[in-house]
């Protein structure tokens, strides 16, 4: 398999997985959490590159710490999820920048850690992304009812005797795993676009929970393919091209939703039909 074919396969696998996990992130309004994770794993990636070990492994170690830190801060009285995410985002990215500055002679360019390099992904990177995607699908298949209940009716979920933190931790863990697996392809900064934009686009045009879970991976994979093809045709970086493709899908979905909302596109019910409906 050539480098371009491998990049296409990676874009499909990572895009689909990111879209699926992103659907949970967007529906649960945890996009800021995901952004904090994408930036917060940067120091782990830098440290791994300096030590000569796998960059995703370093990012994974950092993500475990970040999930624990965010969960702890969020449970502190008078603090919350947004505060925790903000602290992790700024603190993590600053730590990564500091490590990059004080560690001389990094074996990889800092730009590749920030925006990725999908043309240089390995088979192991693709296998990791595929494994994360499969685990995410399996988790939703097993705990889908609990996730949906907690997402759309958190008060009812708690009133029914369920604890919300296991579901929150599960979704946060899947998000962290997806961020780590996407790091070699789109980097620490651009991963959030591939996680959030396809899911947000699907939410605008698909009315059901299951529909969003199906549409978001398709949009994510399409964004990856378009980005890789565009990077080759236009001789531009693949990571930013993929992020822009995902953003373009969101803009398109936003336009479609606005057109649907126009009065001219609403189907008027005839008076006699309405009267029949009331008397039926």
C-alpha atoms as a PDB file:
ATOM      1  CA  UNK A   1       0.000   0.000   0.000  1.00  0.00           C
ATOM      2  CA  UNK A   2       1.403   3.377  -1.035  1.00  0.00           C
ATOM      3  CA  UNK A   3       1.569   6.411   1.220  1.00  0.00           C
ATOM      4  CA  UNK A   4      -1.401   8.097  -0.488  1.00  0.00           C
ATOM      5  CA  UNK A   5      -3.626   5.010  -0.263  1.00  0.00           C
ATOM      6  CA  UNK A   6      -2.627   4.626   3.396  1.00  0.00           C
ATOM      7  CA  UNK A   7      -3.513   8.267   4.018  1.00  0.00           C
ATOM      8  CA  UNK A   8      -6.932   7.771   2.401  1.00  0.00           C
ATOM      9  CA  UNK A   9      -7.604   4.717   4.557  1.00  0.00           C
ATOM     10  CA  UNK A  10      -6.496   6.612   7.665  1.00  0.00           C
ATOM     11  CA  UNK A  11      -8.744   9.546   6.774  1.00  0.00           C
ATOM     12  CA  UNK A  12     -11.753   7.249   6.445  1.00  0.00           C
ATOM     13  CA  UNK A  13     -11.107   5.380   9.693  1.00  0.00           C
ATOM     14  CA  UNK A  14     -10.196   8.445  11.761  1.00  0.00           C
ATOM     15  CA  UNK A  15     -12.930  10.605  10.214  1.00  0.00           C
ATOM     16  CA  UNK A  16     -15.625   8.020  10.848  1.00  0.00           C
ATOM     17  CA  UNK A  17     -14.478   7.356  14.408  1.00  0.00           C
ATOM     18  CA  UNK A  18     -14.159  11.044  15.217  1.00  0.00           C
ATOM     19  CA  UNK A  19     -17.615  11.713  13.774  1.00  0.00           C
ATOM     20  CA  UNK A  20     -19.197   8.960  15.851  1.00  0.00           C
ATOM     21  CA  UNK A  21     -17.585  10.028  19.123  1.00  0.00           C
ATOM     22  CA  UNK A  22     -18.172  13.654  18.187  1.00  0.00           C
ATOM     23  CA  UNK A  23     -21.909  12.976  18.019  1.00  0.00           C
ATOM     24  CA  UNK A  24     -21.841  12.106  21.724  1.00  0.00           C
ATOM     25  CA  UNK A  25     -19.673  15.132  22.474  1.00  0.00           C
ATOM     26  CA  UNK A  26     -21.937  17.580  20.631  1.00  0.00           C
ATOM     27  CA  UNK A  27     -25.217  16.150  21.901  1.00  0.00           C
ATOM     28  CA  UNK A  28     -23.950  16.227  25.491  1.00  0.00           C
ATOM     29  CA  UNK A  29     -22.553  19.750  24.973  1.00  0.00           C
ATOM     30  CA  UNK A  30     -19.012  18.738  25.829  1.00  0.00           C
ATOM     31  CA  UNK A  31     -17.253  20.358  22.880  1.00  0.00           C
ATOM     32  CA  UNK A  32     -15.183  22.568  25.182  1.00  0.00           C
ATOM     33  CA  UNK A  33     -14.108  19.450  27.072  1.00  0.00           C
ATOM     34  CA  UNK A  34     -12.974  17.896  23.800  1.00  0.00           C
ATOM     35  CA  UNK A  35     -11.087  21.043  22.839  1.00  0.00           C
ATOM     36  CA  UNK A  36      -9.350  21.034  26.203  1.00  0.00           C
ATOM     37  CA  UNK A  37      -8.284  17.427  25.639  1.00  0.00           C
ATOM     38  CA  UNK A  38      -6.933  18.135  22.155  1.00  0.00           C
ATOM     39  CA  UNK A  39      -4.756  20.973  23.479  1.00  0.00           C
ATOM     40  CA  UNK A  40      -3.952  19.308  26.797  1.00  0.00           C
ATOM     41  CA  UNK A  41      -2.424  16.198  25.224  1.00  0.00           C
ATOM     42  CA  UNK A  42       0.217  18.357  23.539  1.00  0.00           C
ATOM     43  CA  UNK A  43       2.771  18.116  26.401  1.00  0.00           C
ATOM     44  CA  UNK A  44       2.433  14.335  26.434  1.00  0.00           C
ATOM     45  CA  UNK A  45       3.126  14.218  22.703  1.00  0.00           C
ATOM     46  CA  UNK A  46       6.165  16.495  23.079  1.00  0.00           C
ATOM     47  CA  UNK A  47       7.543  14.432  25.961  1.00  0.00           C
ATOM     48  CA  UNK A  48       7.045  11.199  24.025  1.00  0.00           C
ATOM     49  CA  UNK A  49       8.853  12.627  20.996  1.00  0.00           C
ATOM     50  CA  UNK A  50      11.740  13.743  23.212  1.00  0.00           C
ATOM     51  CA  UNK A  51      12.011  10.290  24.809  1.00  0.00           C
ATOM     52  CA  UNK A  52      11.833   8.539  21.452  1.00  0.00           C
ATOM     53  CA  UNK A  53       8.658   6.604  22.230  1.00  0.00           C
ATOM     54  CA  UNK A  54       5.322   6.529  20.419  1.00  0.00           C
ATOM     55  CA  UNK A  55       3.696   9.969  20.253  1.00  0.00           C
ATOM     56  CA  UNK A  56       0.162   8.535  20.660  1.00  0.00           C
ATOM     57  CA  UNK A  57       1.412   6.659  23.738  1.00  0.00           C
ATOM     58  CA  UNK A  58       2.587   9.903  25.318  1.00  0.00           C
ATOM     59  CA  UNK A  59      -0.647  11.631  24.395  1.00  0.00           C
ATOM     60  CA  UNK A  60      -2.602   8.724  25.880  1.00  0.00           C
ATOM     61  CA  UNK A  61      -0.721   9.011  29.168  1.00  0.00           C
ATOM     62  CA  UNK A  62      -1.410  12.739  29.228  1.00  0.00           C
ATOM     63  CA  UNK A  63      -5.094  12.196  28.447  1.00  0.00           C
ATOM     64  CA  UNK A  64      -5.500   9.843  31.423  1.00  0.00           C
ATOM     65  CA  UNK A  65      -4.098  12.529  33.705  1.00  0.00           C
ATOM     66  CA  UNK A  66      -6.272  15.195  32.075  1.00  0.00           C
ATOM     67  CA  UNK A  67      -9.472  13.190  32.435  1.00  0.00           C
ATOM     68  CA  UNK A  68      -8.707  12.642  36.124  1.00  0.00           C
ATOM     69  CA  UNK A  69      -7.895  16.328  36.648  1.00  0.00           C
ATOM     70  CA  UNK A  70     -11.007  17.572  34.847  1.00  0.00           C
ATOM     71  CA  UNK A  71     -13.233  15.132  36.709  1.00  0.00           C
ATOM     72  CA  UNK A  72     -11.757  16.231  40.038  1.00  0.00           C
ATOM     73  CA  UNK A  73     -12.038  19.963  39.333  1.00  0.00           C
ATOM     74  CA  UNK A  74     -15.587  19.593  38.031  1.00  0.00           C
ATOM     75  CA  UNK A  75     -16.665  18.013  41.315  1.00  0.00           C
ATOM     76  CA  UNK A  76     -15.226  20.841  43.437  1.00  0.00           C
ATOM     77  CA  UNK A  77     -17.909  23.006  44.983  1.00  0.00           C
ATOM     78  CA  UNK A  78     -18.587  26.251  43.102  1.00  0.00           C
ATOM     79  CA  UNK A  79     -16.491  25.069  40.181  1.00  0.00           C
ATOM     80  CA  UNK A  80     -17.750  23.158  37.172  1.00  0.00           C
ATOM     81  CA  UNK A  81     -17.105  21.492  33.848  1.00  0.00           C
ATOM     82  CA  UNK A  82     -16.350  24.714  31.984  1.00  0.00           C
ATOM     83  CA  UNK A  83     -13.834  25.830  34.620  1.00  0.00           C
ATOM     84  CA  UNK A  84     -12.134  22.435  34.550  1.00  0.00           C
ATOM     85  CA  UNK A  85     -11.903  22.431  30.755  1.00  0.00           C
ATOM     86  CA  UNK A  86     -10.555  25.974  30.650  1.00  0.00           C
ATOM     87  CA  UNK A  87      -7.817  25.211  33.183  1.00  0.00           C
ATOM     88  CA  UNK A  88      -6.760  22.036  31.379  1.00  0.00           C
ATOM     89  CA  UNK A  89      -6.823  23.691  27.946  1.00  0.00           C
ATOM     90  CA  UNK A  90      -4.609  26.630  28.825  1.00  0.00           C
ATOM     91  CA  UNK A  91      -2.393  24.824  31.309  1.00  0.00           C
ATOM     92  CA  UNK A  92      -1.838  21.803  29.092  1.00  0.00           C
ATOM     93  CA  UNK A  93      -1.039  23.756  25.958  1.00  0.00           C
ATOM     94  CA  UNK A  94       1.289  26.088  27.875  1.00  0.00           C
ATOM     95  CA  UNK A  95       3.125  23.093  29.336  1.00  0.00           C
ATOM     96  CA  UNK A  96       3.568  21.647  25.850  1.00  0.00           C
ATOM     97  CA  UNK A  97       4.942  24.915  24.493  1.00  0.00           C
ATOM     98  CA  UNK A  98       7.337  25.169  27.449  1.00  0.00           C
ATOM     99  CA  UNK A  99       8.591  21.610  26.972  1.00  0.00           C
ATOM    100  CA  UNK A 100       9.111  22.255  23.288  1.00  0.00           C
ATOM    101  CA  UNK A 101      11.189  25.332  24.109  1.00  0.00           C
ATOM    102  CA  UNK A 102      13.414  23.743  26.778  1.00  0.00           C
ATOM    103  CA  UNK A 103      14.009  20.384  25.053  1.00  0.00           C
ATOM    104  CA  UNK A 104      16.555  20.871  22.268  1.00  0.00           C
ATOM    105  CA  UNK A 105      16.678  18.763  19.132  1.00  0.00           C
ATOM    106  CA  UNK A 106      13.228  17.185  19.093  1.00  0.00           C
ATOM    107  CA  UNK A 107      13.217  14.313  16.562  1.00  0.00           C
ATOM    108  CA  UNK A 108       9.895  15.516  15.110  1.00  0.00           C
ATOM    109  CA  UNK A 109       8.828  18.984  14.044  1.00  0.00           C
ATOM    110  CA  UNK A 110       6.530  20.810  16.405  1.00  0.00           C
ATOM    111  CA  UNK A 111       4.226  21.589  13.489  1.00  0.00           C
ATOM    112  CA  UNK A 112       3.512  17.897  12.961  1.00  0.00           C
ATOM    113  CA  UNK A 113       2.372  17.602  16.582  1.00  0.00           C
ATOM    114  CA  UNK A 114       0.082  20.605  16.220  1.00  0.00           C
ATOM    115  CA  UNK A 115      -1.486  20.026  12.785  1.00  0.00           C
ATOM    116  CA  UNK A 116      -0.597  16.380  12.122  1.00  0.00           C
ATOM    117  CA  UNK A 117       0.825  14.636   9.079  1.00  0.00           C
ATOM    118  CA  UNK A 118      -1.621  12.109   7.684  1.00  0.00           C
ATOM    119  CA  UNK A 119       0.700  11.299   4.769  1.00  0.00           C
ATOM    120  CA  UNK A 120       3.164   9.753   7.218  1.00  0.00           C
ATOM    121  CA  UNK A 121       0.754   7.701   9.344  1.00  0.00           C
ATOM    122  CA  UNK A 122       1.708   4.100   9.965  1.00  0.00           C
ATOM    123  CA  UNK A 123      -0.309   0.911   9.910  1.00  0.00           C
ATOM    124  CA  UNK A 124      -0.195   0.940  13.707  1.00  0.00           C
ATOM    125  CA  UNK A 125      -1.818   4.401  13.739  1.00  0.00           C
ATOM    126  CA  UNK A 126      -4.650   3.126  11.540  1.00  0.00           C
ATOM    127  CA  UNK A 127      -5.140   0.038  13.700  1.00  0.00           C
ATOM    128  CA  UNK A 128      -5.285   2.226  16.826  1.00  0.00           C
ATOM    129  CA  UNK A 129      -7.907   4.515  15.280  1.00  0.00           C
ATOM    130  CA  UNK A 130      -9.956   1.534  14.104  1.00  0.00           C
ATOM    131  CA  UNK A 131      -9.791  -0.065  17.558  1.00  0.00           C
ATOM    132  CA  UNK A 132     -10.997   3.161  19.212  1.00  0.00           C
ATOM    133  CA  UNK A 133     -13.868   3.423  16.732  1.00  0.00           C
ATOM    134  CA  UNK A 134     -14.924  -0.184  17.357  1.00  0.00           C
ATOM    135  CA  UNK A 135     -14.771   0.304  21.129  1.00  0.00           C
ATOM    136  CA  UNK A 136     -16.892   3.455  20.837  1.00  0.00           C
ATOM    137  CA  UNK A 137     -19.541   1.658  18.771  1.00  0.00           C
ATOM    138  CA  UNK A 138     -19.537  -1.267  21.217  1.00  0.00           C
ATOM    139  CA  UNK A 139     -19.889   1.083  24.192  1.00  0.00           C
ATOM    140  CA  UNK A 140     -22.899   2.807  22.632  1.00  0.00           C
ATOM    141  CA  UNK A 141     -24.412  -0.560  21.711  1.00  0.00           C
ATOM    142  CA  UNK A 142     -24.135  -1.736  25.334  1.00  0.00           C
ATOM    143  CA  UNK A 143     -24.849   1.509  27.209  1.00  0.00           C
ATOM    144  CA  UNK A 144     -26.794   3.383  24.536  1.00  0.00           C
ATOM    145  CA  UNK A 145     -30.014   3.685  26.557  1.00  0.00           C
ATOM    146  CA  UNK A 146     -28.204   5.062  29.585  1.00  0.00           C
ATOM    147  CA  UNK A 147     -26.193   7.499  27.451  1.00  0.00           C
ATOM    148  CA  UNK A 148     -29.322   8.744  25.659  1.00  0.00           C
ATOM    149  CA  UNK A 149     -31.307   9.053  28.910  1.00  0.00           C
ATOM    150  CA  UNK A 150     -28.495  10.972  30.593  1.00  0.00           C
ATOM    151  CA  UNK A 151     -27.993  13.186  27.532  1.00  0.00           C
ATOM    152  CA  UNK A 152     -31.571  14.269  26.878  1.00  0.00           C
ATOM    153  CA  UNK A 153     -33.062  14.153  30.383  1.00  0.00           C
ATOM    154  CA  UNK A 154     -30.307  14.487  33.001  1.00  0.00           C
ATOM    155  CA  UNK A 155     -32.764  15.442  35.746  1.00  0.00           C
ATOM    156  CA  UNK A 156     -34.924  12.416  35.065  1.00  0.00           C
ATOM    157  CA  UNK A 157     -31.800  10.256  34.856  1.00  0.00           C
ATOM    158  CA  UNK A 158     -30.727  11.324  38.349  1.00  0.00           C
ATOM    159  CA  UNK A 159     -34.281  11.081  39.701  1.00  0.00           C
ATOM    160  CA  UNK A 160     -34.466   7.486  38.498  1.00  0.00           C
ATOM    161  CA  UNK A 161     -31.592   6.567  40.789  1.00  0.00           C
ATOM    162  CA  UNK A 162     -28.799   6.520  38.230  1.00  0.00           C
ATOM    163  CA  UNK A 163     -25.417   8.098  38.839  1.00  0.00           C
ATOM    164  CA  UNK A 164     -24.401  10.475  36.097  1.00  0.00           C
ATOM    165  CA  UNK A 165     -20.626  10.383  36.587  1.00  0.00           C
ATOM    166  CA  UNK A 166     -20.076   6.865  35.094  1.00  0.00           C
ATOM    167  CA  UNK A 167     -21.736   7.932  31.834  1.00  0.00           C
ATOM    168  CA  UNK A 168     -19.811  11.210  31.855  1.00  0.00           C
ATOM    169  CA  UNK A 169     -16.559   9.371  32.481  1.00  0.00           C
ATOM    170  CA  UNK A 170     -17.311   6.889  29.677  1.00  0.00           C
ATOM    171  CA  UNK A 171     -17.957   9.638  27.129  1.00  0.00           C
ATOM    172  CA  UNK A 172     -14.943  11.608  28.311  1.00  0.00           C
ATOM    173  CA  UNK A 173     -12.762   8.498  28.041  1.00  0.00           C
ATOM    174  CA  UNK A 174     -13.978   7.794  24.497  1.00  0.00           C
ATOM    175  CA  UNK A 175     -13.292  11.416  23.591  1.00  0.00           C
ATOM    176  CA  UNK A 176      -9.761  11.216  24.976  1.00  0.00           C
ATOM    177  CA  UNK A 177      -9.095   7.976  23.113  1.00  0.00           C
ATOM    178  CA  UNK A 178     -10.359   9.516  19.868  1.00  0.00           C
ATOM    179  CA  UNK A 179      -8.188  12.593  20.345  1.00  0.00           C
ATOM    180  CA  UNK A 180      -5.133  10.388  20.861  1.00  0.00           C
ATOM    181  CA  UNK A 181      -5.838   8.251  17.796  1.00  0.00           C
ATOM    182  CA  UNK A 182      -6.422  11.341  15.621  1.00  0.00           C
ATOM    183  CA  UNK A 183      -3.227  13.064  16.770  1.00  0.00           C
ATOM    184  CA  UNK A 184      -0.871  11.640  14.093  1.00  0.00           C
ATOM    185  CA  UNK A 185      -3.278  12.622  11.315  1.00  0.00           C
ATOM    186  CA  UNK A 186      -4.583  16.064  12.280  1.00  0.00           C
ATOM    187  CA  UNK A 187      -2.514  17.060  15.299  1.00  0.00           C
ATOM    188  CA  UNK A 188      -3.350  18.524  18.675  1.00  0.00           C
ATOM    189  CA  UNK A 189      -5.043  21.682  17.407  1.00  0.00           C
ATOM    190  CA  UNK A 190      -7.102  20.471  14.445  1.00  0.00           C
ATOM    191  CA  UNK A 191      -8.527  17.313  16.029  1.00  0.00           C
ATOM    192  CA  UNK A 192     -11.407  19.285  17.522  1.00  0.00           C
ATOM    193  CA  UNK A 193     -12.620  20.246  14.021  1.00  0.00           C
ATOM    194  CA  UNK A 194     -12.887  16.611  12.983  1.00  0.00           C
ATOM    195  CA  UNK A 195     -14.661  15.707  16.225  1.00  0.00           C
ATOM    196  CA  UNK A 196     -17.107  18.609  16.469  1.00  0.00           C
ATOM    197  CA  UNK A 197     -17.873  19.791  12.918  1.00  0.00           C
ATOM    198  CA  UNK A 198     -19.267  16.547  11.377  1.00  0.00           C
ATOM    199  CA  UNK A 199     -21.472  15.921  14.409  1.00  0.00           C
ATOM    200  CA  UNK A 200     -22.670  19.524  14.494  1.00  0.00           C
ATOM    201  CA  UNK A 201     -23.472  19.321  10.770  1.00  0.00           C
ATOM    202  CA  UNK A 202     -25.392  16.080  11.243  1.00  0.00           C
ATOM    203  CA  UNK A 203     -27.356  17.595  14.114  1.00  0.00           C
ATOM    204  CA  UNK A 204     -28.537  20.431  11.871  1.00  0.00           C
ATOM    205  CA  UNK A 205     -30.015  18.204   9.168  1.00  0.00           C
ATOM    206  CA  UNK A 206     -30.900  14.946  10.951  1.00  0.00           C
ATOM    207  CA  UNK A 207     -33.743  15.062  13.501  1.00  0.00           C
ATOM    208  CA  UNK A 208     -33.119  11.848  15.457  1.00  0.00           C
ATOM    209  CA  UNK A 209     -30.469  10.627  17.904  1.00  0.00           C
ATOM    210  CA  UNK A 210     -29.764   7.436  15.971  1.00  0.00           C
ATOM    211  CA  UNK A 211     -29.714   9.351  12.716  1.00  0.00           C
ATOM    212  CA  UNK A 212     -27.033  11.679  14.050  1.00  0.00           C
ATOM    213  CA  UNK A 213     -24.963   8.703  15.202  1.00  0.00           C
ATOM    214  CA  UNK A 214     -25.134   7.327  11.653  1.00  0.00           C
ATOM    215  CA  UNK A 215     -24.715  10.580   9.711  1.00  0.00           C
ATOM    216  CA  UNK A 216     -21.800  12.059  11.682  1.00  0.00           C
ATOM    217  CA  UNK A 217     -19.330   9.237  10.849  1.00  0.00           C
ATOM    218  CA  UNK A 218     -20.247   9.475   7.161  1.00  0.00           C
ATOM    219  CA  UNK A 219     -19.600  13.224   7.166  1.00  0.00           C
ATOM    220  CA  UNK A 220     -16.364  12.714   9.094  1.00  0.00           C
ATOM    221  CA  UNK A 221     -15.091  10.099   6.623  1.00  0.00           C
ATOM    222  CA  UNK A 222     -16.100  12.295   3.673  1.00  0.00           C
ATOM    223  CA  UNK A 223     -14.228  15.229   5.232  1.00  0.00           C
ATOM    224  CA  UNK A 224     -11.122  13.091   5.533  1.00  0.00           C
ATOM    225  CA  UNK A 225     -11.277  11.897   1.939  1.00  0.00           C
ATOM    226  CA  UNK A 226     -11.910  15.372   0.534  1.00  0.00           C
ATOM    227  CA  UNK A 227      -9.102  16.837   2.634  1.00  0.00           C
ATOM    228  CA  UNK A 228      -6.539  14.252   1.556  1.00  0.00           C
ATOM    229  CA  UNK A 229      -7.489  14.508  -2.130  1.00  0.00           C
ATOM    230  CA  UNK A 230      -7.433  18.312  -1.960  1.00  0.00           C
ATOM    231  CA  UNK A 231      -4.029  18.284  -0.262  1.00  0.00           C
ATOM    232  CA  UNK A 232      -2.590  16.284  -3.133  1.00  0.00           C
ATOM    233  CA  UNK A 233      -4.303  18.262  -5.879  1.00  0.00           C
ATOM    234  CA  UNK A 234      -3.509  21.696  -4.421  1.00  0.00           C
ATOM    235  CA  UNK A 235      -0.184  20.832  -2.737  1.00  0.00           C
ATOM    236  CA  UNK A 236      -1.370  21.982   0.700  1.00  0.00           C
ATOM    237  CA  UNK A 237      -1.100  20.422   4.148  1.00  0.00           C
ATOM    238  CA  UNK A 238      -3.549  17.568   4.633  1.00  0.00           C
ATOM    239  CA  UNK A 239      -4.482  18.304   8.264  1.00  0.00           C
ATOM    240  CA  UNK A 240      -5.771  21.834   7.659  1.00  0.00           C
ATOM    241  CA  UNK A 241      -7.468  20.656   4.437  1.00  0.00           C
ATOM    242  CA  UNK A 242      -9.365  17.986   6.371  1.00  0.00           C
ATOM    243  CA  UNK A 243     -10.385  20.501   9.047  1.00  0.00           C
ATOM    244  CA  UNK A 244     -11.589  22.939   6.384  1.00  0.00           C
ATOM    245  CA  UNK A 245     -13.570  20.199   4.642  1.00  0.00           C
ATOM    246  CA  UNK A 246     -15.311  19.341   7.920  1.00  0.00           C
ATOM    247  CA  UNK A 247     -16.009  23.042   8.480  1.00  0.00           C
ATOM    248  CA  UNK A 248     -17.424  23.328   4.954  1.00  0.00           C
ATOM    249  CA  UNK A 249     -19.846  20.477   5.687  1.00  0.00           C
ATOM    250  CA  UNK A 250     -21.033  22.343   8.774  1.00  0.00           C
ATOM    251  CA  UNK A 251     -21.540  25.563   6.794  1.00  0.00           C
ATOM    252  CA  UNK A 252     -23.455  23.604   4.136  1.00  0.00           C
ATOM    253  CA  UNK A 253     -25.653  21.955   6.768  1.00  0.00           C
ATOM    254  CA  UNK A 254     -26.265  25.334   8.387  1.00  0.00           C
ATOM    255  CA  UNK A 255     -27.379  26.742   5.036  1.00  0.00           C
ATOM    256  CA  UNK A 256     -29.705  23.799   4.435  1.00  0.00           C
ATOM    257  CA  UNK A 257     -31.270  24.216   7.876  1.00  0.00           C
ATOM    258  CA  UNK A 258     -31.840  27.930   7.235  1.00  0.00           C
ATOM    259  CA  UNK A 259     -33.465  27.230   3.866  1.00  0.00           C
ATOM    260  CA  UNK A 260     -35.739  24.651   5.462  1.00  0.00           C
ATOM    261  CA  UNK A 261     -36.837  27.215   8.035  1.00  0.00           C
ATOM    262  CA  UNK A 262     -37.977  29.731   5.418  1.00  0.00           C
ATOM    263  CA  UNK A 263     -41.776  30.292   5.375  1.00  0.00           C
ATOM    264  CA  UNK A 264     -41.955  29.388   1.658  1.00  0.00           C
ATOM    265  CA  UNK A 265     -40.701  25.895   2.460  1.00  0.00           C
ATOM    266  CA  UNK A 266     -43.263  25.169   5.152  1.00  0.00           C
ATOM    267  CA  UNK A 267     -46.137  23.021   4.032  1.00  0.00           C
ATOM    268  CA  UNK A 268     -49.436  24.754   4.772  1.00  0.00           C
ATOM    269  CA  UNK A 269     -52.314  22.569   5.935  1.00  0.00           C
ATOM    270  CA  UNK A 270     -55.564  23.343   4.019  1.00  0.00           C
ATOM    271  CA  UNK A 271     -58.388  24.696   6.167  1.00  0.00           C
ATOM    272  CA  UNK A 272     -60.658  21.812   5.384  1.00  0.00           C
ATOM    273  CA  UNK A 273     -57.928  19.313   6.299  1.00  0.00           C
ATOM    274  CA  UNK A 274     -57.341  21.018   9.629  1.00  0.00           C
ATOM    275  CA  UNK A 275     -61.081  20.979  10.341  1.00  0.00           C
ATOM    276  CA  UNK A 276     -61.239  17.299   9.471  1.00  0.00           C
ATOM    277  CA  UNK A 277     -58.317  16.652  11.814  1.00  0.00           C
ATOM    278  CA  UNK A 278     -60.068  18.425  14.697  1.00  0.00           C
ATOM    279  CA  UNK A 279     -63.336  16.598  14.203  1.00  0.00           C
ATOM    280  CA  UNK A 280     -61.826  13.189  13.612  1.00  0.00           C
END
